[in-house]
Every structure is written in C-alpha cells, then in structure tokens.
Amino acid sequence: MVQAKWNDVVIAESDQTVVVEGNHYFPRESVWSKYLMHSDTTSHCPWKGDASYHSLIVAGEINEDAAWYYSAPKAAAAEIEGRIAFWKGVEVG
C-alpha cells in the first residue's frame, strides 16, 4: 500500500498507483478530498499535456500547489487520467 503524507496526516492511500517519471499517481477516489483546495496554477508538459494543481490544507497549514493532475492527458499519458500526484514535502512511499 502506497501512502502520501503531509504534516503526519495521510492524504492518499492506494495499492493501485501508477508511477510515471518517479511520481506515484494515485486514483482520485483514494485521495482525501477534505485536504485539497483548488488552485488556479497550471503548467504544461510536452508529452503529458496541461496540468492543474491543488493546494493541501492540513491542521490549518497550507502547502501551495502540492498536488497536480492531468484532467485530459495526451494519449502517451492516458494511464494517469483521473489520478493525482504529490510533491513539495509530501512523503510518498
């Protein structure tokens, strides 16, 4: 079982992550939505497409843009559609 933790709180947990470029992409339904806040941040990857972000809020602390996802990934990255990955101090393992 792979977990994503920040501030000693489990944000996501799944045994069905997909690893792309060293990042675990968790199925959306395995991520606790109560810890996610919408962000207007976006970025672009030439082979995956356009990414959107969420900030995390745990125990009143905010981790800006610590989660990302591709709502409509390019065909080469179709396996990460409907999945969320983490960074910025989120422990995944």
C-alpha atoms as a PDB file:
ATOM      1  CA  MET A   1       0.000   0.000   0.000  1.00  0.00           C
ATOM      2  CA  VAL A   2       1.447   3.366  -1.031  1.00  0.00           C
ATOM      3  CA  GLN A   3       0.643   6.405   1.108  1.00  0.00           C
ATOM      4  CA  ALA A   4       1.022  10.143   0.612  1.00  0.00           C
ATOM      5  CA  LYS A   5       1.523  12.001   3.913  1.00  0.00           C
ATOM      6  CA  TRP A   6       1.970  15.637   4.818  1.00  0.00           C
ATOM      7  CA  ASN A   7       2.147  17.052   8.344  1.00  0.00           C
ATOM      8  CA  ASP A   8       1.897  13.468   9.638  1.00  0.00           C
ATOM      9  CA  VAL A   9      -1.547  13.058   8.046  1.00  0.00           C
ATOM     10  CA  VAL A  10      -2.359  10.515   5.331  1.00  0.00           C
ATOM     11  CA  ILE A  11      -3.606  12.445   2.294  1.00  0.00           C
ATOM     12  CA  ALA A  12      -3.920   9.438  -0.051  1.00  0.00           C
ATOM     13  CA  GLU A  13      -3.551   5.669   0.139  1.00  0.00           C
ATOM     14  CA  SER A  14      -3.727   3.072  -2.610  1.00  0.00           C
ATOM     15  CA  ASP A  15      -2.230  -0.177  -3.844  1.00  0.00           C
ATOM     16  CA  GLN A  16      -3.057   0.864  -7.423  1.00  0.00           C
ATOM     17  CA  THR A  17      -0.783   3.838  -8.080  1.00  0.00           C
ATOM     18  CA  VAL A  18       0.770   4.401 -11.481  1.00  0.00           C
ATOM     19  CA  VAL A  19       4.411   5.519 -11.472  1.00  0.00           C
ATOM     20  CA  VAL A  20       5.438   7.995 -14.174  1.00  0.00           C
ATOM     21  CA  GLU A  21       8.804   9.755 -14.074  1.00  0.00           C
ATOM     22  CA  GLY A  22       9.285   8.590 -10.483  1.00  0.00           C
ATOM     23  CA  ASN A  23       5.972  10.038  -9.250  1.00  0.00           C
ATOM     24  CA  HIS A  24       3.148   7.915  -7.862  1.00  0.00           C
ATOM     25  CA  TYR A  25      -0.185   8.925  -9.376  1.00  0.00           C
ATOM     26  CA  PHE A  26      -2.993   7.949  -7.007  1.00  0.00           C
ATOM     27  CA  PRO A  27      -6.512   7.123  -8.193  1.00  0.00           C
ATOM     28  CA  ARG A  28      -8.698  10.172  -7.486  1.00  0.00           C
ATOM     29  CA  GLU A  29     -11.003   8.157  -5.244  1.00  0.00           C
ATOM     30  CA  SER A  30      -8.068   7.210  -2.971  1.00  0.00           C
ATOM     31  CA  VAL A  31      -7.258  10.869  -2.154  1.00  0.00           C
ATOM     32  CA  TRP A  32      -8.976  12.537   0.813  1.00  0.00           C
ATOM     33  CA  SER A  33     -10.704  15.493  -0.856  1.00  0.00           C
ATOM     34  CA  LYS A  34     -11.125  17.272   2.501  1.00  0.00           C
ATOM     35  CA  TYR A  35      -7.385  18.092   2.354  1.00  0.00           C
ATOM     36  CA  LEU A  36      -7.472  19.513  -1.194  1.00  0.00           C
ATOM     37  CA  MET A  37      -8.019  23.162  -2.104  1.00  0.00           C
ATOM     38  CA  HIS A  38      -8.483  24.374  -5.667  1.00  0.00           C
ATOM     39  CA  SER A  39      -5.575  26.289  -7.170  1.00  0.00           C
ATOM     40  CA  ASP A  40      -5.536  28.400 -10.315  1.00  0.00           C
ATOM     41  CA  THR A  41      -1.988  27.225 -11.090  1.00  0.00           C
ATOM     42  CA  THR A  42      -1.434  25.322 -14.323  1.00  0.00           C
ATOM     43  CA  SER A  43       1.601  24.019 -16.191  1.00  0.00           C
ATOM     44  CA  HIS A  44       2.315  22.241 -19.447  1.00  0.00           C
ATOM     45  CA  CYS A  45       4.263  19.075 -20.183  1.00  0.00           C
ATOM     46  CA  PRO A  46       5.102  18.413 -23.851  1.00  0.00           C
ATOM     47  CA  TRP A  47       4.161  14.730 -23.677  1.00  0.00           C
ATOM     48  CA  LYS A  48       1.566  14.618 -20.859  1.00  0.00           C
ATOM     49  CA  GLY A  49      -0.375  17.802 -21.587  1.00  0.00           C
ATOM     50  CA  ASP A  50      -1.766  20.524 -19.327  1.00  0.00           C
ATOM     51  CA  ALA A  51      -1.623  20.022 -15.564  1.00  0.00           C
ATOM     52  CA  SER A  52      -3.816  21.606 -12.915  1.00  0.00           C
ATOM     53  CA  TYR A  53      -2.992  21.892  -9.223  1.00  0.00           C
ATOM     54  CA  HIS A  54      -4.439  21.631  -5.742  1.00  0.00           C
ATOM     55  CA  SER A  55      -3.000  23.076  -2.573  1.00  0.00           C
ATOM     56  CA  LEU A  56      -3.142  20.972   0.581  1.00  0.00           C
ATOM     57  CA  ILE A  57      -4.627  22.140   3.860  1.00  0.00           C
ATOM     58  CA  VAL A  58      -3.893  20.085   6.969  1.00  0.00           C
ATOM     59  CA  ALA A  59      -4.357  21.280  10.550  1.00  0.00           C
ATOM     60  CA  GLY A  60      -4.680  24.867   9.347  1.00  0.00           C
ATOM     61  CA  GLU A  61      -1.412  24.803   7.372  1.00  0.00           C
ATOM     62  CA  ILE A  62      -1.361  25.236   3.606  1.00  0.00           C
ATOM     63  CA  ASN A  63       1.071  23.627   1.167  1.00  0.00           C
ATOM     64  CA  GLU A  64       0.600  25.620  -2.051  1.00  0.00           C
ATOM     65  CA  ASP A  65       0.257  23.626  -5.279  1.00  0.00           C
ATOM     66  CA  ALA A  66       1.488  20.396  -3.668  1.00  0.00           C
ATOM     67  CA  ALA A  67      -0.743  18.129  -5.773  1.00  0.00           C
ATOM     68  CA  TRP A  68      -1.204  18.005  -9.526  1.00  0.00           C
ATOM     69  CA  TYR A  69      -3.273  16.160 -12.077  1.00  0.00           C
ATOM     70  CA  TYR A  70      -3.954  15.998 -15.797  1.00  0.00           C
ATOM     71  CA  SER A  71      -7.689  16.170 -16.461  1.00  0.00           C
ATOM     72  CA  ALA A  72      -7.214  15.415 -20.166  1.00  0.00           C
ATOM     73  CA  PRO A  73      -3.723  13.950 -20.647  1.00  0.00           C
ATOM     74  CA  LYS A  74      -2.301  13.314 -24.088  1.00  0.00           C
ATOM     75  CA  ALA A  75      -2.566   9.765 -25.428  1.00  0.00           C
ATOM     76  CA  ALA A  76       1.002   8.931 -24.347  1.00  0.00           C
ATOM     77  CA  ALA A  77      -0.001   9.586 -20.721  1.00  0.00           C
ATOM     78  CA  ALA A  78      -3.535   8.173 -20.783  1.00  0.00           C
ATOM     79  CA  GLU A  79      -2.767   5.928 -17.794  1.00  0.00           C
ATOM     80  CA  ILE A  80      -2.665   8.941 -15.425  1.00  0.00           C
ATOM     81  CA  GLU A  81      -6.106  10.283 -16.305  1.00  0.00           C
ATOM     82  CA  GLY A  82      -8.194  10.594 -13.145  1.00  0.00           C
ATOM     83  CA  ARG A  83      -5.088  10.417 -10.924  1.00  0.00           C
ATOM     84  CA  ILE A  84      -3.279  12.841  -8.611  1.00  0.00           C
ATOM     85  CA  ALA A  85       0.437  13.090  -7.755  1.00  0.00           C
ATOM     86  CA  PHE A  86       2.213  14.986  -4.968  1.00  0.00           C
ATOM     87  CA  TRP A  87       5.421  16.902  -4.261  1.00  0.00           C
ATOM     88  CA  LYS A  88       6.605  19.867  -2.119  1.00  0.00           C
ATOM     89  CA  GLY A  89       7.380  17.895   1.009  1.00  0.00           C
ATOM     90  CA  VAL A  90       4.608  15.320   0.714  1.00  0.00           C
ATOM     91  CA  GLU A  91       6.094  11.953   1.717  1.00  0.00           C
ATOM     92  CA  VAL A  92       5.136   9.185  -0.696  1.00  0.00           C
ATOM     93  CA  GLY A  93       6.013   5.603  -0.010  1.00  0.00           C
END
